[in-house]
């Protein structure tokens, strides 16, 4: 089970840190990722991280502004979002998979959190 939190209202240029708590069959979790879904749009990938946390990958639109990290001792995943833009307004979901690799596509993730809303607006 995954539970995302940390969303809210932030002004353009501001920062926000999302968290995702994992529970249950966490021993099987390998790669984890963040996805987002804006109103009227399909869910899209944001970033992914390997089990060890040593390798990360980002979608082009967030490179240099967002940082994904994880703390396996706390069974937690994080997304630090800086220099937020209005197009970042979306529901953000954390996801996990039992396989390795760093796929940035919804279909490769079998575990999903409920999502947390991020609104970037002045």
C-alpha atoms as a PDB file:
ATOM      1  CA  UNK A   1       0.000   0.000   0.000  1.00  0.00           C
ATOM      2  CA  UNK A   2       1.250   3.454  -0.904  1.00  0.00           C
ATOM      3  CA  UNK A   3       0.038   6.749   0.518  1.00  0.00           C
ATOM      4  CA  UNK A   4       1.107  10.097  -0.921  1.00  0.00           C
ATOM      5  CA  UNK A   5       0.997  13.348   1.006  1.00  0.00           C
ATOM      6  CA  UNK A   6       2.393  16.856   0.982  1.00  0.00           C
ATOM      7  CA  UNK A   7       0.345  18.464  -1.761  1.00  0.00           C
ATOM      8  CA  UNK A   8      -1.143  21.927  -1.502  1.00  0.00           C
ATOM      9  CA  UNK A   9      -1.318  25.391  -2.987  1.00  0.00           C
ATOM     10  CA  UNK A  10       1.951  27.033  -3.959  1.00  0.00           C
ATOM     11  CA  UNK A  11       2.798  30.142  -5.957  1.00  0.00           C
ATOM     12  CA  UNK A  12       4.684  29.912  -9.244  1.00  0.00           C
ATOM     13  CA  UNK A  13       8.385  29.700  -8.502  1.00  0.00           C
ATOM     14  CA  UNK A  14       7.742  28.140  -5.133  1.00  0.00           C
ATOM     15  CA  UNK A  15       8.707  24.760  -3.712  1.00  0.00           C
ATOM     16  CA  UNK A  16       6.900  21.767  -2.318  1.00  0.00           C
ATOM     17  CA  UNK A  17       8.006  18.376  -1.043  1.00  0.00           C
ATOM     18  CA  UNK A  18       5.837  15.329  -1.570  1.00  0.00           C
ATOM     19  CA  UNK A  19       6.141  12.178   0.492  1.00  0.00           C
ATOM     20  CA  UNK A  20       4.949   8.637  -0.070  1.00  0.00           C
ATOM     21  CA  UNK A  21       4.722   6.064   2.704  1.00  0.00           C
ATOM     22  CA  UNK A  22       4.870   2.392   1.790  1.00  0.00           C
ATOM     23  CA  UNK A  23       3.380  -0.379   3.888  1.00  0.00           C
ATOM     24  CA  UNK A  24       2.395  -4.008   3.488  1.00  0.00           C
ATOM     25  CA  UNK A  25       4.398  -6.218   1.106  1.00  0.00           C
ATOM     26  CA  UNK A  26       7.179  -3.696   0.833  1.00  0.00           C
ATOM     27  CA  UNK A  27       9.861  -6.355   0.558  1.00  0.00           C
ATOM     28  CA  UNK A  28       8.810  -6.905  -3.056  1.00  0.00           C
ATOM     29  CA  UNK A  29       9.077  -3.255  -4.050  1.00  0.00           C
ATOM     30  CA  UNK A  30      11.910  -2.412  -6.411  1.00  0.00           C
ATOM     31  CA  UNK A  31      11.739   0.703  -8.583  1.00  0.00           C
ATOM     32  CA  UNK A  32       9.520   3.545  -7.385  1.00  0.00           C
ATOM     33  CA  UNK A  33       8.275   6.578  -9.219  1.00  0.00           C
ATOM     34  CA  UNK A  34       6.146   9.693  -9.262  1.00  0.00           C
ATOM     35  CA  UNK A  35       3.479  10.374 -11.837  1.00  0.00           C
ATOM     36  CA  UNK A  36       1.013  13.233 -12.269  1.00  0.00           C
ATOM     37  CA  UNK A  37      -2.331  13.794 -13.886  1.00  0.00           C
ATOM     38  CA  UNK A  38      -3.608  17.230 -14.778  1.00  0.00           C
ATOM     39  CA  UNK A  39      -7.333  17.840 -15.316  1.00  0.00           C
ATOM     40  CA  UNK A  40      -8.418  16.430 -18.646  1.00  0.00           C
ATOM     41  CA  UNK A  41      -5.059  14.823 -19.305  1.00  0.00           C
ATOM     42  CA  UNK A  42      -3.675  11.320 -19.092  1.00  0.00           C
ATOM     43  CA  UNK A  43      -1.429  10.300 -16.238  1.00  0.00           C
ATOM     44  CA  UNK A  44       2.185  11.049 -17.122  1.00  0.00           C
ATOM     45  CA  UNK A  45       5.535  10.108 -15.604  1.00  0.00           C
ATOM     46  CA  UNK A  46       7.588  12.566 -13.593  1.00  0.00           C
ATOM     47  CA  UNK A  47      10.535  10.636 -12.163  1.00  0.00           C
ATOM     48  CA  UNK A  48      11.705   7.198 -11.088  1.00  0.00           C
ATOM     49  CA  UNK A  49      14.366   5.819  -8.759  1.00  0.00           C
ATOM     50  CA  UNK A  50      16.039   2.450  -8.348  1.00  0.00           C
ATOM     51  CA  UNK A  51      15.737   0.355  -5.214  1.00  0.00           C
ATOM     52  CA  UNK A  52      19.114   1.504  -3.914  1.00  0.00           C
ATOM     53  CA  UNK A  53      18.392   5.110  -4.784  1.00  0.00           C
ATOM     54  CA  UNK A  54      21.574   5.282  -6.774  1.00  0.00           C
ATOM     55  CA  UNK A  55      20.029   5.923 -10.173  1.00  0.00           C
ATOM     56  CA  UNK A  56      17.252   8.328 -11.026  1.00  0.00           C
ATOM     57  CA  UNK A  57      15.507   9.410 -14.198  1.00  0.00           C
ATOM     58  CA  UNK A  58      13.296  12.410 -14.929  1.00  0.00           C
ATOM     59  CA  UNK A  59      10.938  13.524 -17.611  1.00  0.00           C
ATOM     60  CA  UNK A  60      12.449  16.415 -19.565  1.00  0.00           C
ATOM     61  CA  UNK A  61      10.019  19.054 -18.297  1.00  0.00           C
ATOM     62  CA  UNK A  62      11.141  18.682 -14.653  1.00  0.00           C
ATOM     63  CA  UNK A  63      14.874  18.072 -15.068  1.00  0.00           C
ATOM     64  CA  UNK A  64      16.912  20.422 -12.918  1.00  0.00           C
ATOM     65  CA  UNK A  65      13.882  21.447 -10.836  1.00  0.00           C
ATOM     66  CA  UNK A  66      12.589  18.226  -9.258  1.00  0.00           C
ATOM     67  CA  UNK A  67      14.527  15.676  -7.194  1.00  0.00           C
ATOM     68  CA  UNK A  68      13.314  12.177  -6.402  1.00  0.00           C
ATOM     69  CA  UNK A  69      14.735  10.321  -3.420  1.00  0.00           C
ATOM     70  CA  UNK A  70      13.886   7.434  -1.124  1.00  0.00           C
ATOM     71  CA  UNK A  71      14.665   6.271   2.390  1.00  0.00           C
ATOM     72  CA  UNK A  72      14.323   2.494   2.503  1.00  0.00           C
ATOM     73  CA  UNK A  73      14.796   2.423   6.270  1.00  0.00           C
ATOM     74  CA  UNK A  74      11.643   4.518   6.575  1.00  0.00           C
ATOM     75  CA  UNK A  75       9.868   2.890   3.618  1.00  0.00           C
ATOM     76  CA  UNK A  76       9.446   6.337   2.141  1.00  0.00           C
ATOM     77  CA  UNK A  77       9.670   8.023  -1.252  1.00  0.00           C
ATOM     78  CA  UNK A  78      10.035  11.762  -1.761  1.00  0.00           C
ATOM     79  CA  UNK A  79       9.748  14.343  -4.516  1.00  0.00           C
ATOM     80  CA  UNK A  80      11.295  17.745  -3.941  1.00  0.00           C
ATOM     81  CA  UNK A  81       9.775  20.203  -6.390  1.00  0.00           C
ATOM     82  CA  UNK A  82      11.431  23.584  -6.901  1.00  0.00           C
ATOM     83  CA  UNK A  83      10.702  26.436  -9.300  1.00  0.00           C
ATOM     84  CA  UNK A  84       7.181  25.187  -9.756  1.00  0.00           C
ATOM     85  CA  UNK A  85       5.259  26.323 -12.805  1.00  0.00           C
ATOM     86  CA  UNK A  86       1.512  26.607 -13.348  1.00  0.00           C
ATOM     87  CA  UNK A  87       1.623  23.584 -15.645  1.00  0.00           C
ATOM     88  CA  UNK A  88       2.717  21.583 -12.646  1.00  0.00           C
ATOM     89  CA  UNK A  89      -0.826  21.716 -11.296  1.00  0.00           C
ATOM     90  CA  UNK A  90      -1.961  18.108 -11.089  1.00  0.00           C
ATOM     91  CA  UNK A  91      -2.696  15.198  -8.824  1.00  0.00           C
ATOM     92  CA  UNK A  92       0.625  13.533  -8.062  1.00  0.00           C
ATOM     93  CA  UNK A  93       0.774   9.786  -7.562  1.00  0.00           C
ATOM     94  CA  UNK A  94       3.522   7.608  -6.163  1.00  0.00           C
ATOM     95  CA  UNK A  95       3.948   4.188  -7.708  1.00  0.00           C
ATOM     96  CA  UNK A  96       6.063   1.101  -7.297  1.00  0.00           C
ATOM     97  CA  UNK A  97       6.982  -2.022  -9.205  1.00  0.00           C
ATOM     98  CA  UNK A  98       8.589  -5.326  -8.337  1.00  0.00           C
ATOM     99  CA  UNK A  99      10.802  -5.288 -11.411  1.00  0.00           C
ATOM    100  CA  UNK A 100      14.103  -3.510 -11.830  1.00  0.00           C
ATOM    101  CA  UNK A 101      14.929  -0.874 -14.397  1.00  0.00           C
ATOM    102  CA  UNK A 102      13.643   2.686 -14.643  1.00  0.00           C
ATOM    103  CA  UNK A 103      10.660   2.674 -16.943  1.00  0.00           C
ATOM    104  CA  UNK A 104       8.823   5.973 -17.243  1.00  0.00           C
ATOM    105  CA  UNK A 105       5.450   4.616 -18.219  1.00  0.00           C
ATOM    106  CA  UNK A 106       2.296   3.957 -16.263  1.00  0.00           C
ATOM    107  CA  UNK A 107       1.861   0.414 -17.534  1.00  0.00           C
ATOM    108  CA  UNK A 108       5.038  -0.833 -15.857  1.00  0.00           C
ATOM    109  CA  UNK A 109       3.923   0.003 -12.304  1.00  0.00           C
ATOM    110  CA  UNK A 110       1.561  -2.277 -10.403  1.00  0.00           C
ATOM    111  CA  UNK A 111       1.268  -0.459  -7.097  1.00  0.00           C
ATOM    112  CA  UNK A 112      -0.287   2.996  -6.796  1.00  0.00           C
ATOM    113  CA  UNK A 113      -1.031   5.501  -4.056  1.00  0.00           C
ATOM    114  CA  UNK A 114      -4.205   7.570  -3.915  1.00  0.00           C
ATOM    115  CA  UNK A 115      -2.638  10.816  -5.120  1.00  0.00           C
ATOM    116  CA  UNK A 116      -2.095  14.240  -3.629  1.00  0.00           C
ATOM    117  CA  UNK A 117      -3.203  17.489  -5.286  1.00  0.00           C
ATOM    118  CA  UNK A 118      -0.644  20.154  -6.136  1.00  0.00           C
ATOM    119  CA  UNK A 119      -1.969  23.510  -7.277  1.00  0.00           C
ATOM    120  CA  UNK A 120       0.467  26.071  -8.631  1.00  0.00           C
ATOM    121  CA  UNK A 121      -1.242  29.411  -8.780  1.00  0.00           C
ATOM    122  CA  UNK A 122      -0.823  33.020  -7.717  1.00  0.00           C
END
